[in-house]
Amino acid sequence: MNIGEVAQRSGLPAKTIRYYEEIGLVRPLRSSNGYRAFRESDIHKLSFLGRARALGFSIDDCRTLLGLYEDESRESAQVKAVAQEHLAAIDDKIAQLKSMRETLSELVHACHGDDRPDCPILSDLAGAD
């Protein structure tokens, strides 16, 4: 299969597929003329990677998860540990976003939004009291 068909079947852009090949996440065969020759297993890996990336896993995590997926002697505890670490990072990010939202909401509420020049939003961004 060529890259266009693989892109359509995996749901990933050709550019992403080329990048994943460049960093060694997938290794399609090459024909004698140098064209990529993807197999069904490559499509499966690409779909796996697409789903993992959609869940926010880093490239390094994807590499680890793909390695675990392909290792039939793996322990599910290894997979769970990667997922738990990522979940904790998501929870931290959510907490940061909630804090940012609360602060910004207070600033927006404090700003009169009228024709006067004073603005608590700009004062806060500038570090003024």
C-alpha atoms as a PDB file:
ATOM      1  CA  MET A   1       0.000   0.000   0.000  1.00  0.00           C
ATOM      2  CA  ASN A   2       1.170   3.507  -0.672  1.00  0.00           C
ATOM      3  CA  ILE A   3       1.249   6.319   1.859  1.00  0.00           C
ATOM      4  CA  GLY A   4      -1.957   7.925   0.545  1.00  0.00           C
ATOM      5  CA  GLU A   5      -3.990   4.791   1.125  1.00  0.00           C
ATOM      6  CA  VAL A   6      -2.374   4.235   4.515  1.00  0.00           C
ATOM      7  CA  ALA A   7      -3.149   7.822   5.500  1.00  0.00           C
ATOM      8  CA  GLN A   8      -6.788   7.320   4.583  1.00  0.00           C
ATOM      9  CA  ARG A   9      -7.085   3.991   6.394  1.00  0.00           C
ATOM     10  CA  SER A  10      -5.212   5.033   9.532  1.00  0.00           C
ATOM     11  CA  GLY A  11      -6.750   8.501   9.771  1.00  0.00           C
ATOM     12  CA  LEU A  12      -3.326  10.135  10.010  1.00  0.00           C
ATOM     13  CA  PRO A  13      -1.908  12.715   7.604  1.00  0.00           C
ATOM     14  CA  ALA A  14       0.880  11.525   5.310  1.00  0.00           C
ATOM     15  CA  LYS A  15       3.204  14.083   6.924  1.00  0.00           C
ATOM     16  CA  THR A  16       2.646  12.475  10.331  1.00  0.00           C
ATOM     17  CA  ILE A  17       3.248   9.015   8.896  1.00  0.00           C
ATOM     18  CA  ARG A  18       6.528  10.191   7.368  1.00  0.00           C
ATOM     19  CA  TYR A  19       7.516  11.694  10.735  1.00  0.00           C
ATOM     20  CA  TYR A  20       6.703   8.472  12.579  1.00  0.00           C
ATOM     21  CA  GLU A  21       8.863   6.620  10.060  1.00  0.00           C
ATOM     22  CA  GLU A  22      11.678   9.157  10.484  1.00  0.00           C
ATOM     23  CA  ILE A  23      11.752   8.645  14.264  1.00  0.00           C
ATOM     24  CA  GLY A  24      11.465   4.871  13.968  1.00  0.00           C
ATOM     25  CA  LEU A  25       7.949   4.274  15.258  1.00  0.00           C
ATOM     26  CA  VAL A  26       7.000   2.509  12.015  1.00  0.00           C
ATOM     27  CA  ARG A  27       9.271   0.850   9.491  1.00  0.00           C
ATOM     28  CA  PRO A  28       7.502   0.200   6.214  1.00  0.00           C
ATOM     29  CA  LEU A  29       9.219  -1.929   3.624  1.00  0.00           C
ATOM     30  CA  ARG A  30      10.789  -0.202   0.632  1.00  0.00           C
ATOM     31  CA  SER A  31      10.307  -1.371  -2.926  1.00  0.00           C
ATOM     32  CA  SER A  32      13.225  -1.528  -5.365  1.00  0.00           C
ATOM     33  CA  ASN A  33      12.390   1.982  -6.592  1.00  0.00           C
ATOM     34  CA  GLY A  34      12.470   3.332  -3.019  1.00  0.00           C
ATOM     35  CA  TYR A  35       8.725   3.739  -2.526  1.00  0.00           C
ATOM     36  CA  ARG A  36       7.246   2.825   0.817  1.00  0.00           C
ATOM     37  CA  ALA A  37       5.320  -0.431   0.849  1.00  0.00           C
ATOM     38  CA  PHE A  38       3.076  -0.467   3.903  1.00  0.00           C
ATOM     39  CA  ARG A  39       1.632  -3.650   5.364  1.00  0.00           C
ATOM     40  CA  GLU A  40      -1.528  -4.215   7.365  1.00  0.00           C
ATOM     41  CA  SER A  41       0.619  -4.339  10.505  1.00  0.00           C
ATOM     42  CA  ASP A  42       1.880  -0.826   9.716  1.00  0.00           C
ATOM     43  CA  ILE A  43      -1.683   0.460   9.461  1.00  0.00           C
ATOM     44  CA  HIS A  44      -2.491  -1.174  12.787  1.00  0.00           C
ATOM     45  CA  LYS A  45       0.548   0.471  14.430  1.00  0.00           C
ATOM     46  CA  LEU A  46      -0.346   3.845  12.949  1.00  0.00           C
ATOM     47  CA  SER A  47      -3.931   3.560  14.198  1.00  0.00           C
ATOM     48  CA  PHE A  48      -2.573   2.600  17.625  1.00  0.00           C
ATOM     49  CA  LEU A  49      -0.281   5.630  17.598  1.00  0.00           C
ATOM     50  CA  GLY A  50      -3.070   7.923  16.442  1.00  0.00           C
ATOM     51  CA  ARG A  51      -5.288   6.827  19.310  1.00  0.00           C
ATOM     52  CA  ALA A  52      -2.474   7.154  21.847  1.00  0.00           C
ATOM     53  CA  ARG A  53      -1.642  10.651  20.610  1.00  0.00           C
ATOM     54  CA  ALA A  54      -5.338  11.600  20.705  1.00  0.00           C
ATOM     55  CA  LEU A  55      -5.250  10.674  24.407  1.00  0.00           C
ATOM     56  CA  GLY A  56      -2.292  13.020  24.836  1.00  0.00           C
ATOM     57  CA  PHE A  57       0.504  10.498  25.254  1.00  0.00           C
ATOM     58  CA  SER A  58       3.926  11.881  24.342  1.00  0.00           C
ATOM     59  CA  ILE A  59       5.993  10.396  21.535  1.00  0.00           C
ATOM     60  CA  ASP A  60       8.221   8.731  24.142  1.00  0.00           C
ATOM     61  CA  ASP A  61       5.162   7.268  25.873  1.00  0.00           C
ATOM     62  CA  CYS A  62       3.874   6.074  22.498  1.00  0.00           C
ATOM     63  CA  ARG A  63       7.200   4.369  21.843  1.00  0.00           C
ATOM     64  CA  THR A  64       6.980   2.675  25.246  1.00  0.00           C
ATOM     65  CA  LEU A  65       3.341   1.657  24.785  1.00  0.00           C
ATOM     66  CA  LEU A  66       3.991   0.308  21.303  1.00  0.00           C
ATOM     67  CA  GLY A  67       6.920  -1.692  22.652  1.00  0.00           C
ATOM     68  CA  LEU A  68       4.734  -3.077  25.420  1.00  0.00           C
ATOM     69  CA  TYR A  69       1.966  -3.865  22.937  1.00  0.00           C
ATOM     70  CA  GLU A  70       4.379  -5.856  20.813  1.00  0.00           C
ATOM     71  CA  ASP A  71       5.949  -7.631  23.822  1.00  0.00           C
ATOM     72  CA  GLU A  72       3.805 -10.638  24.592  1.00  0.00           C
ATOM     73  CA  SER A  73       5.727 -11.243  27.826  1.00  0.00           C
ATOM     74  CA  ARG A  74       4.805  -7.809  29.171  1.00  0.00           C
ATOM     75  CA  GLU A  75       2.942  -7.351  32.407  1.00  0.00           C
ATOM     76  CA  SER A  76      -0.192  -5.241  32.361  1.00  0.00           C
ATOM     77  CA  ALA A  77       1.234  -3.450  35.405  1.00  0.00           C
ATOM     78  CA  GLN A  78       3.852  -1.912  33.102  1.00  0.00           C
ATOM     79  CA  VAL A  79       1.169  -0.531  30.816  1.00  0.00           C
ATOM     80  CA  LYS A  80      -0.892   0.686  33.747  1.00  0.00           C
ATOM     81  CA  ALA A  81       2.113   2.521  35.192  1.00  0.00           C
ATOM     82  CA  VAL A  82       2.601   4.483  31.957  1.00  0.00           C
ATOM     83  CA  ALA A  83      -1.109   5.321  31.827  1.00  0.00           C
ATOM     84  CA  GLN A  84      -1.243   6.312  35.510  1.00  0.00           C
ATOM     85  CA  GLU A  85       1.715   8.642  35.086  1.00  0.00           C
ATOM     86  CA  HIS A  86       0.016  10.282  32.124  1.00  0.00           C
ATOM     87  CA  LEU A  87      -3.275  10.528  34.028  1.00  0.00           C
ATOM     88  CA  ALA A  88      -1.496  12.272  36.912  1.00  0.00           C
ATOM     89  CA  ALA A  89       0.018  14.758  34.457  1.00  0.00           C
ATOM     90  CA  ILE A  90      -3.455  15.426  33.007  1.00  0.00           C
ATOM     91  CA  ASP A  91      -4.851  15.974  36.511  1.00  0.00           C
ATOM     92  CA  ASP A  92      -2.031  18.445  37.242  1.00  0.00           C
ATOM     93  CA  LYS A  93      -2.749  20.294  34.002  1.00  0.00           C
ATOM     94  CA  ILE A  94      -6.472  20.449  34.819  1.00  0.00           C
ATOM     95  CA  ALA A  95      -5.662  21.917  38.247  1.00  0.00           C
ATOM     96  CA  GLN A  96      -3.415  24.522  36.613  1.00  0.00           C
ATOM     97  CA  LEU A  97      -6.109  25.399  34.078  1.00  0.00           C
ATOM     98  CA  LYS A  98      -8.747  25.732  36.816  1.00  0.00           C
ATOM     99  CA  SER A  99      -6.476  28.078  38.746  1.00  0.00           C
ATOM    100  CA  MET A 100      -5.791  30.130  35.617  1.00  0.00           C
ATOM    101  CA  ARG A 101      -9.521  30.286  34.880  1.00  0.00           C
ATOM    102  CA  GLU A 102     -10.351  31.418  38.417  1.00  0.00           C
ATOM    103  CA  THR A 103      -7.723  34.176  38.322  1.00  0.00           C
ATOM    104  CA  LEU A 104      -8.734  35.383  34.878  1.00  0.00           C
ATOM    105  CA  SER A 105     -12.417  35.273  35.808  1.00  0.00           C
ATOM    106  CA  GLU A 106     -11.735  37.494  38.826  1.00  0.00           C
ATOM    107  CA  LEU A 107      -9.782  39.934  36.679  1.00  0.00           C
ATOM    108  CA  VAL A 108     -12.485  40.090  34.018  1.00  0.00           C
ATOM    109  CA  HIS A 109     -15.103  40.671  36.717  1.00  0.00           C
ATOM    110  CA  ALA A 110     -12.991  43.445  38.280  1.00  0.00           C
ATOM    111  CA  CYS A 111     -12.575  45.280  34.973  1.00  0.00           C
ATOM    112  CA  HIS A 112     -15.323  47.796  34.270  1.00  0.00           C
ATOM    113  CA  GLY A 113     -14.857  47.513  30.524  1.00  0.00           C
ATOM    114  CA  ASP A 114     -15.828  51.150  30.015  1.00  0.00           C
ATOM    115  CA  ASP A 115     -14.137  54.191  28.474  1.00  0.00           C
ATOM    116  CA  ARG A 116     -11.831  54.801  31.458  1.00  0.00           C
ATOM    117  CA  PRO A 117      -8.139  53.901  31.035  1.00  0.00           C
ATOM    118  CA  ASP A 118      -7.711  52.044  34.324  1.00  0.00           C
ATOM    119  CA  CYS A 119      -7.829  48.267  33.860  1.00  0.00           C
ATOM    120  CA  PRO A 120      -7.213  45.673  36.573  1.00  0.00           C
ATOM    121  CA  ILE A 121      -6.365  43.076  33.913  1.00  0.00           C
ATOM    122  CA  LEU A 122      -3.450  45.105  32.560  1.00  0.00           C
ATOM    123  CA  SER A 123      -2.389  46.096  36.088  1.00  0.00           C
ATOM    124  CA  ASP A 124      -2.207  42.455  37.103  1.00  0.00           C
ATOM    125  CA  LEU A 125      -0.296  41.457  33.970  1.00  0.00           C
ATOM    126  CA  ALA A 126       2.157  44.278  34.621  1.00  0.00           C
ATOM    127  CA  GLY A 127       2.624  43.100  38.222  1.00  0.00           C
ATOM    128  CA  ALA A 128       1.212  46.316  39.683  1.00  0.00           C
ATOM    129  CA  ASP A 129      -0.609  46.230  43.019  1.00  0.00           C
END
